[in-house]
Amino acid sequence: MANRENRRARARDSSQDRWLSRIPNTPSRSSKSAVGPSPTLAQTRLMLAAEELRSLSTVRDYTHDVEMKHVVLIISVFLSALLTADAAPIVFIVRHAEKAATGGNDPDLSVAGQKRAEALARILKDSQITTVFVTEFKRTQETAAPTVKEARLSPIVVPSNDVAGMAARVRALSGNALVVGHGNTIPELIKALGIATPIAIPENDYSEIFVVLVHNPPQLFLLHYPF
């Protein structure tokens, strides 16, 4: 029995970052306390939120449908903790979903991309999204479409090359938002928002959901689709 529990504990530890893989400025369970000022109540709540995400992000071997429900639960708990800790807006930044092989410079989403867009809407269903930003390209608009429909919003089109303008709009937000961008513009946007952590998105990677807590200083959390 003891051996079985040990194996389960090791499995939990090895899979704790399955959906939450990077939390800048947030100490992990294994890190030693640094000497310095005591954290504020808001900072403590954020650290507890991160720990709650880690503790929930441990279940493996689910079917896709059950796994998706688990991700939604993780984000719901995370948002609840963040909203309790701070009234700052929370911005979800994603790359457009997979695009079709045809369509020139402005293709539609592929079948896989459409499935990812639907998954995104399910993940963000209870995230209190009040604003959605897309670019002039169909692949961003189609990625946002299920979320836009669920939230009953009209997307705001910001030119893909206007990173400074997008950053200004994000900083002016009074509620939570979704930003659907491109692999080459998202790293620039996150940097423009004041995040020092360097971001690189591989050409064929559509799996990441960047979560930015827009306060001073901003904080970045990295979530993943379950597929």
C-alpha atoms as a PDB file:
ATOM      1  CA  MET A   1       0.000   0.000   0.000  1.00  0.00           C
ATOM      2  CA  ALA A   2       2.822   2.400   0.920  1.00  0.00           C
ATOM      3  CA  ASN A   3       4.580   1.720  -2.382  1.00  0.00           C
ATOM      4  CA  ARG A   4       1.389   2.418  -4.282  1.00  0.00           C
ATOM      5  CA  GLU A   5       0.917   5.762  -2.509  1.00  0.00           C
ATOM      6  CA  ASN A   6       4.541   6.668  -3.219  1.00  0.00           C
ATOM      7  CA  ARG A   7       4.043   5.941  -6.915  1.00  0.00           C
ATOM      8  CA  ARG A   8       0.918   8.112  -6.960  1.00  0.00           C
ATOM      9  CA  ALA A   9       2.749  10.948  -5.232  1.00  0.00           C
ATOM     10  CA  ARG A  10       5.583  10.771  -7.772  1.00  0.00           C
ATOM     11  CA  ALA A  11       3.046  10.790 -10.630  1.00  0.00           C
ATOM     12  CA  ARG A  12       1.375  13.886  -9.172  1.00  0.00           C
ATOM     13  CA  ASP A  13       4.672  15.708  -8.836  1.00  0.00           C
ATOM     14  CA  SER A  14       5.793  14.802 -12.377  1.00  0.00           C
ATOM     15  CA  SER A  15       2.515  15.960 -13.939  1.00  0.00           C
ATOM     16  CA  GLN A  16       1.854  19.081 -11.906  1.00  0.00           C
ATOM     17  CA  ASP A  17       2.828  21.360 -14.794  1.00  0.00           C
ATOM     18  CA  ARG A  18       0.696  19.649 -17.427  1.00  0.00           C
ATOM     19  CA  TRP A  19      -1.603  22.640 -17.821  1.00  0.00           C
ATOM     20  CA  LEU A  20       0.274  25.285 -15.862  1.00  0.00           C
ATOM     21  CA  SER A  21       3.890  25.153 -16.960  1.00  0.00           C
ATOM     22  CA  ARG A  22       5.334  28.481 -16.016  1.00  0.00           C
ATOM     23  CA  ILE A  23       4.518  30.959 -13.250  1.00  0.00           C
ATOM     24  CA  PRO A  24       7.088  33.771 -13.192  1.00  0.00           C
ATOM     25  CA  ASN A  25       7.742  35.339  -9.789  1.00  0.00           C
ATOM     26  CA  THR A  26       5.735  32.640  -8.015  1.00  0.00           C
ATOM     27  CA  PRO A  27       7.727  30.271  -5.802  1.00  0.00           C
ATOM     28  CA  SER A  28       7.194  26.552  -6.236  1.00  0.00           C
ATOM     29  CA  ARG A  29       6.689  24.088  -3.425  1.00  0.00           C
ATOM     30  CA  SER A  30      10.295  22.994  -3.705  1.00  0.00           C
ATOM     31  CA  SER A  31      11.812  26.490  -3.702  1.00  0.00           C
ATOM     32  CA  LYS A  32      13.271  27.928  -0.524  1.00  0.00           C
ATOM     33  CA  SER A  33      11.887  31.134   0.910  1.00  0.00           C
ATOM     34  CA  ALA A  34      13.923  34.139  -0.059  1.00  0.00           C
ATOM     35  CA  VAL A  35      14.946  36.674   2.532  1.00  0.00           C
ATOM     36  CA  GLY A  36      13.019  39.856   1.955  1.00  0.00           C
ATOM     37  CA  PRO A  37       9.780  41.719   2.699  1.00  0.00           C
ATOM     38  CA  SER A  38       6.752  39.678   3.639  1.00  0.00           C
ATOM     39  CA  PRO A  39       4.270  39.249   0.759  1.00  0.00           C
ATOM     40  CA  THR A  40       1.113  41.312   0.729  1.00  0.00           C
ATOM     41  CA  LEU A  41      -2.274  39.668   1.172  1.00  0.00           C
ATOM     42  CA  ALA A  42      -2.892  39.893  -2.594  1.00  0.00           C
ATOM     43  CA  GLN A  43       0.477  38.307  -3.351  1.00  0.00           C
ATOM     44  CA  THR A  44      -0.202  35.530  -0.883  1.00  0.00           C
ATOM     45  CA  ARG A  45      -3.563  34.816  -2.490  1.00  0.00           C
ATOM     46  CA  LEU A  46      -1.940  34.715  -5.925  1.00  0.00           C
ATOM     47  CA  MET A  47       0.631  32.209  -4.671  1.00  0.00           C
ATOM     48  CA  LEU A  48      -2.173  30.125  -3.215  1.00  0.00           C
ATOM     49  CA  ALA A  49      -3.993  30.349  -6.550  1.00  0.00           C
ATOM     50  CA  ALA A  50      -0.903  29.022  -8.310  1.00  0.00           C
ATOM     51  CA  GLU A  51      -0.596  26.201  -5.783  1.00  0.00           C
ATOM     52  CA  GLU A  52      -4.264  25.351  -6.284  1.00  0.00           C
ATOM     53  CA  LEU A  53      -3.670  25.138 -10.022  1.00  0.00           C
ATOM     54  CA  ARG A  54      -0.709  22.841  -9.484  1.00  0.00           C
ATOM     55  CA  SER A  55      -2.663  20.603  -7.139  1.00  0.00           C
ATOM     56  CA  LEU A  56      -5.573  20.363  -9.600  1.00  0.00           C
ATOM     57  CA  SER A  57      -3.327  19.843 -12.626  1.00  0.00           C
ATOM     58  CA  THR A  58      -2.352  16.319 -11.622  1.00  0.00           C
ATOM     59  CA  VAL A  59      -4.959  13.976 -13.027  1.00  0.00           C
ATOM     60  CA  ARG A  60      -3.807  11.900 -16.009  1.00  0.00           C
ATOM     61  CA  ASP A  61      -5.231   9.321 -18.387  1.00  0.00           C
ATOM     62  CA  TYR A  62      -8.599  10.985 -18.924  1.00  0.00           C
ATOM     63  CA  THR A  63     -10.676  10.759 -22.069  1.00  0.00           C
ATOM     64  CA  HIS A  64     -10.620  14.000 -24.051  1.00  0.00           C
ATOM     65  CA  ASP A  65     -14.091  15.086 -22.884  1.00  0.00           C
ATOM     66  CA  VAL A  66     -13.427  14.502 -19.197  1.00  0.00           C
ATOM     67  CA  GLU A  67      -9.981  16.070 -19.553  1.00  0.00           C
ATOM     68  CA  MET A  68     -11.536  19.211 -21.030  1.00  0.00           C
ATOM     69  CA  LYS A  69     -13.927  19.459 -18.088  1.00  0.00           C
ATOM     70  CA  HIS A  70     -10.936  19.186 -15.784  1.00  0.00           C
ATOM     71  CA  VAL A  71      -9.175  22.088 -17.531  1.00  0.00           C
ATOM     72  CA  VAL A  72     -12.324  24.219 -17.220  1.00  0.00           C
ATOM     73  CA  LEU A  73     -12.422  23.421 -13.500  1.00  0.00           C
ATOM     74  CA  ILE A  74      -8.759  24.388 -13.118  1.00  0.00           C
ATOM     75  CA  ILE A  75      -9.276  27.755 -14.807  1.00  0.00           C
ATOM     76  CA  SER A  76     -12.464  28.432 -12.830  1.00  0.00           C
ATOM     77  CA  VAL A  77     -10.650  27.898  -9.541  1.00  0.00           C
ATOM     78  CA  PHE A  78      -7.704  29.937 -10.784  1.00  0.00           C
ATOM     79  CA  LEU A  79      -9.904  32.862 -11.842  1.00  0.00           C
ATOM     80  CA  SER A  80     -11.838  32.743  -8.603  1.00  0.00           C
ATOM     81  CA  ALA A  81      -8.619  33.023  -6.628  1.00  0.00           C
ATOM     82  CA  LEU A  82      -7.244  35.792  -8.847  1.00  0.00           C
ATOM     83  CA  LEU A  83     -10.446  37.818  -8.709  1.00  0.00           C
ATOM     84  CA  THR A  84     -10.413  37.510  -4.942  1.00  0.00           C
ATOM     85  CA  ALA A  85      -6.783  38.594  -4.791  1.00  0.00           C
ATOM     86  CA  ASP A  86      -6.938  41.575  -7.117  1.00  0.00           C
ATOM     87  CA  ALA A  87      -9.472  43.479  -9.203  1.00  0.00           C
ATOM     88  CA  ALA A  88      -7.029  43.831 -12.097  1.00  0.00           C
ATOM     89  CA  PRO A  89      -8.221  42.616 -15.514  1.00  0.00           C
ATOM     90  CA  ILE A  90      -7.189  39.148 -16.682  1.00  0.00           C
ATOM     91  CA  VAL A  91      -6.257  38.831 -20.356  1.00  0.00           C
ATOM     92  CA  PHE A  92      -6.140  35.502 -22.205  1.00  0.00           C
ATOM     93  CA  ILE A  93      -3.802  35.670 -25.196  1.00  0.00           C
ATOM     94  CA  VAL A  94      -3.830  32.834 -27.713  1.00  0.00           C
ATOM     95  CA  ARG A  95      -2.432  32.161 -31.135  1.00  0.00           C
ATOM     96  CA  HIS A  96      -5.042  31.531 -33.819  1.00  0.00           C
ATOM     97  CA  ALA A  97      -5.922  27.851 -34.165  1.00  0.00           C
ATOM     98  CA  GLU A  98      -4.638  25.565 -36.942  1.00  0.00           C
ATOM     99  CA  LYS A  99      -5.199  26.995 -40.413  1.00  0.00           C
ATOM    100  CA  ALA A 100      -6.180  25.271 -43.646  1.00  0.00           C
ATOM    101  CA  ALA A 101      -3.511  24.397 -46.197  1.00  0.00           C
ATOM    102  CA  THR A 102      -5.360  26.353 -48.871  1.00  0.00           C
ATOM    103  CA  GLY A 103      -6.495  29.959 -48.937  1.00  0.00           C
ATOM    104  CA  GLY A 104      -3.352  31.904 -49.668  1.00  0.00           C
ATOM    105  CA  ASN A 105      -2.378  34.566 -47.139  1.00  0.00           C
ATOM    106  CA  ASP A 106      -5.775  34.542 -45.441  1.00  0.00           C
ATOM    107  CA  PRO A 107      -6.894  30.926 -45.007  1.00  0.00           C
ATOM    108  CA  ASP A 108      -9.810  29.678 -42.929  1.00  0.00           C
ATOM    109  CA  LEU A 109      -9.277  27.360 -40.005  1.00  0.00           C
ATOM    110  CA  SER A 110      -8.757  23.681 -40.704  1.00  0.00           C
ATOM    111  CA  VAL A 111     -11.025  21.053 -39.146  1.00  0.00           C
ATOM    112  CA  ALA A 112      -8.499  20.697 -36.316  1.00  0.00           C
ATOM    113  CA  GLY A 113      -8.488  24.470 -35.904  1.00  0.00           C
ATOM    114  CA  GLN A 114     -12.263  24.602 -35.665  1.00  0.00           C
ATOM    115  CA  LYS A 115     -12.163  21.974 -32.921  1.00  0.00           C
ATOM    116  CA  ARG A 116      -9.552  24.013 -31.039  1.00  0.00           C
ATOM    117  CA  ALA A 117     -11.679  27.162 -31.351  1.00  0.00           C
ATOM    118  CA  GLU A 118     -14.635  25.310 -29.861  1.00  0.00           C
ATOM    119  CA  ALA A 119     -12.392  24.019 -27.073  1.00  0.00           C
ATOM    120  CA  LEU A 120     -11.238  27.551 -26.312  1.00  0.00           C
ATOM    121  CA  ALA A 121     -14.845  28.696 -25.889  1.00  0.00           C
ATOM    122  CA  ARG A 122     -15.475  25.848 -23.460  1.00  0.00           C
ATOM    123  CA  ILE A 123     -12.341  26.643 -21.486  1.00  0.00           C
ATOM    124  CA  LEU A 124     -13.210  30.352 -21.211  1.00  0.00           C
ATOM    125  CA  LYS A 125     -16.943  29.893 -20.685  1.00  0.00           C
ATOM    126  CA  ASP A 126     -16.926  31.133 -17.078  1.00  0.00           C
ATOM    127  CA  SER A 127     -14.027  33.563 -17.428  1.00  0.00           C
ATOM    128  CA  GLN A 128     -16.189  36.712 -17.508  1.00  0.00           C
ATOM    129  CA  ILE A 129     -14.836  37.824 -20.877  1.00  0.00           C
ATOM    130  CA  THR A 130     -16.080  41.339 -21.692  1.00  0.00           C
ATOM    131  CA  THR A 131     -13.848  42.191 -24.669  1.00  0.00           C
ATOM    132  CA  VAL A 132     -12.436  40.161 -27.561  1.00  0.00           C
ATOM    133  CA  PHE A 133      -9.641  41.403 -29.809  1.00  0.00           C
ATOM    134  CA  VAL A 134      -8.796  39.839 -33.185  1.00  0.00           C
ATOM    135  CA  THR A 135      -6.730  40.883 -36.197  1.00  0.00           C
ATOM    136  CA  GLU A 136      -7.769  41.456 -39.808  1.00  0.00           C
ATOM    137  CA  PHE A 137      -7.097  37.815 -40.687  1.00  0.00           C
ATOM    138  CA  LYS A 138      -9.892  35.241 -40.832  1.00  0.00           C
ATOM    139  CA  ARG A 139      -7.977  32.667 -38.812  1.00  0.00           C
ATOM    140  CA  THR A 140      -8.010  34.899 -35.729  1.00  0.00           C
ATOM    141  CA  GLN A 141     -11.651  35.844 -36.186  1.00  0.00           C
ATOM    142  CA  GLU A 142     -12.704  32.211 -36.640  1.00  0.00           C
ATOM    143  CA  THR A 143     -10.683  31.170 -33.577  1.00  0.00           C
ATOM    144  CA  ALA A 144     -12.519  33.762 -31.492  1.00  0.00           C
ATOM    145  CA  ALA A 145     -15.949  33.115 -33.039  1.00  0.00           C
ATOM    146  CA  PRO A 146     -17.226  30.430 -30.598  1.00  0.00           C
ATOM    147  CA  THR A 147     -16.105  32.511 -27.594  1.00  0.00           C
ATOM    148  CA  VAL A 148     -17.662  35.643 -29.101  1.00  0.00           C
ATOM    149  CA  LYS A 149     -20.928  33.774 -29.591  1.00  0.00           C
ATOM    150  CA  GLU A 150     -20.887  32.343 -26.064  1.00  0.00           C
ATOM    151  CA  ALA A 151     -20.182  35.748 -24.508  1.00  0.00           C
ATOM    152  CA  ARG A 152     -22.550  37.611 -26.875  1.00  0.00           C
ATOM    153  CA  LEU A 153     -19.891  40.114 -27.888  1.00  0.00           C
ATOM    154  CA  SER A 154     -18.680  41.774 -31.072  1.00  0.00           C
ATOM    155  CA  PRO A 155     -14.946  41.351 -31.652  1.00  0.00           C
ATOM    156  CA  ILE A 156     -12.707  44.392 -31.990  1.00  0.00           C
ATOM    157  CA  VAL A 157     -10.361  44.224 -34.981  1.00  0.00           C
ATOM    158  CA  VAL A 158      -6.866  45.570 -34.354  1.00  0.00           C
ATOM    159  CA  PRO A 159      -4.316  45.393 -37.219  1.00  0.00           C
ATOM    160  CA  SER A 160      -1.842  42.585 -36.650  1.00  0.00           C
ATOM    161  CA  ASN A 161       1.115  44.946 -37.050  1.00  0.00           C
ATOM    162  CA  ASP A 162      -0.173  47.412 -34.451  1.00  0.00           C
ATOM    163  CA  VAL A 163       1.334  45.777 -31.360  1.00  0.00           C
ATOM    164  CA  ALA A 164       1.673  49.098 -29.533  1.00  0.00           C
ATOM    165  CA  GLY A 165      -1.987  49.888 -30.178  1.00  0.00           C
ATOM    166  CA  MET A 166      -3.068  46.472 -28.940  1.00  0.00           C
ATOM    167  CA  ALA A 167      -0.963  46.845 -25.787  1.00  0.00           C
ATOM    168  CA  ALA A 168      -2.522  50.254 -25.116  1.00  0.00           C
ATOM    169  CA  ARG A 169      -6.017  48.801 -25.462  1.00  0.00           C
ATOM    170  CA  VAL A 170      -5.165  45.941 -23.096  1.00  0.00           C
ATOM    171  CA  ARG A 171      -3.747  48.299 -20.471  1.00  0.00           C
ATOM    172  CA  ALA A 172      -6.944  50.385 -20.668  1.00  0.00           C
ATOM    173  CA  LEU A 173      -9.234  47.416 -20.008  1.00  0.00           C
ATOM    174  CA  SER A 174     -11.662  47.423 -17.101  1.00  0.00           C
ATOM    175  CA  GLY A 175     -12.693  43.776 -17.503  1.00  0.00           C
ATOM    176  CA  ASN A 176     -11.343  40.425 -18.647  1.00  0.00           C
ATOM    177  CA  ALA A 177     -10.485  39.934 -22.310  1.00  0.00           C
ATOM    178  CA  LEU A 178      -9.454  37.472 -24.997  1.00  0.00           C
ATOM    179  CA  VAL A 179      -6.775  38.425 -27.522  1.00  0.00           C
ATOM    180  CA  VAL A 180      -6.324  36.193 -30.565  1.00  0.00           C
ATOM    181  CA  GLY A 181      -3.070  36.950 -32.328  1.00  0.00           C
ATOM    182  CA  HIS A 182      -0.252  35.374 -34.309  1.00  0.00           C
ATOM    183  CA  GLY A 183       2.860  33.422 -33.478  1.00  0.00           C
ATOM    184  CA  ASN A 184       5.090  36.359 -34.392  1.00  0.00           C
ATOM    185  CA  THR A 185       3.050  39.106 -32.690  1.00  0.00           C
ATOM    186  CA  ILE A 186       2.157  37.520 -29.345  1.00  0.00           C
ATOM    187  CA  PRO A 187       5.751  37.570 -27.993  1.00  0.00           C
ATOM    188  CA  GLU A 188       5.968  41.271 -28.899  1.00  0.00           C
ATOM    189  CA  LEU A 189       2.611  42.001 -27.247  1.00  0.00           C
ATOM    190  CA  ILE A 190       3.523  40.217 -24.027  1.00  0.00           C
ATOM    191  CA  LYS A 191       6.822  42.126 -23.918  1.00  0.00           C
ATOM    192  CA  ALA A 192       4.981  45.413 -24.556  1.00  0.00           C
ATOM    193  CA  LEU A 193       2.735  44.647 -21.578  1.00  0.00           C
ATOM    194  CA  GLY A 194       5.790  44.625 -19.326  1.00  0.00           C
ATOM    195  CA  ILE A 195       6.482  40.904 -19.024  1.00  0.00           C
ATOM    196  CA  ALA A 196      10.222  40.250 -18.905  1.00  0.00           C
ATOM    197  CA  THR A 197       9.924  36.503 -19.509  1.00  0.00           C
ATOM    198  CA  PRO A 198      10.970  35.849 -23.141  1.00  0.00           C
ATOM    199  CA  ILE A 199       8.304  34.088 -25.186  1.00  0.00           C
ATOM    200  CA  ALA A 200       8.892  31.996 -28.311  1.00  0.00           C
ATOM    201  CA  ILE A 201       6.127  30.161 -30.180  1.00  0.00           C
ATOM    202  CA  PRO A 202       7.266  27.368 -32.529  1.00  0.00           C
ATOM    203  CA  GLU A 203       5.784  27.355 -36.023  1.00  0.00           C
ATOM    204  CA  ASN A 204       3.488  24.362 -35.435  1.00  0.00           C
ATOM    205  CA  ASP A 205       2.581  25.076 -31.801  1.00  0.00           C
ATOM    206  CA  TYR A 206      -1.024  26.054 -31.114  1.00  0.00           C
ATOM    207  CA  SER A 207      -1.261  24.603 -27.604  1.00  0.00           C
ATOM    208  CA  GLU A 208      -0.549  27.538 -25.310  1.00  0.00           C
ATOM    209  CA  ILE A 209      -2.876  29.945 -23.518  1.00  0.00           C
ATOM    210  CA  PHE A 210      -1.044  32.952 -22.086  1.00  0.00           C
ATOM    211  CA  VAL A 211      -2.774  34.517 -19.087  1.00  0.00           C
ATOM    212  CA  VAL A 212      -1.691  38.032 -18.140  1.00  0.00           C
ATOM    213  CA  LEU A 213      -2.811  39.667 -14.924  1.00  0.00           C
ATOM    214  CA  VAL A 214      -2.769  43.357 -15.867  1.00  0.00           C
ATOM    215  CA  HIS A 215      -1.573  45.198 -12.808  1.00  0.00           C
ATOM    216  CA  ASN A 216       1.685  46.793 -11.690  1.00  0.00           C
ATOM    217  CA  PRO A 217       3.781  44.776 -12.104  1.00  0.00           C
ATOM    218  CA  PRO A 218       1.975  42.459 -14.558  1.00  0.00           C
ATOM    219  CA  GLN A 219       2.132  38.708 -14.060  1.00  0.00           C
ATOM    220  CA  LEU A 220       2.192  35.957 -16.669  1.00  0.00           C
ATOM    221  CA  PHE A 221       0.753  32.451 -16.331  1.00  0.00           C
ATOM    222  CA  LEU A 222       1.026  29.820 -19.042  1.00  0.00           C
ATOM    223  CA  LEU A 223      -1.782  27.316 -19.507  1.00  0.00           C
ATOM    224  CA  HIS A 224      -2.185  24.602 -22.135  1.00  0.00           C
ATOM    225  CA  TYR A 225      -5.025  23.142 -24.109  1.00  0.00           C
ATOM    226  CA  PRO A 226      -5.505  19.481 -23.119  1.00  0.00           C
ATOM    227  CA  PHE A 227      -4.536  18.360 -26.653  1.00  0.00           C
END
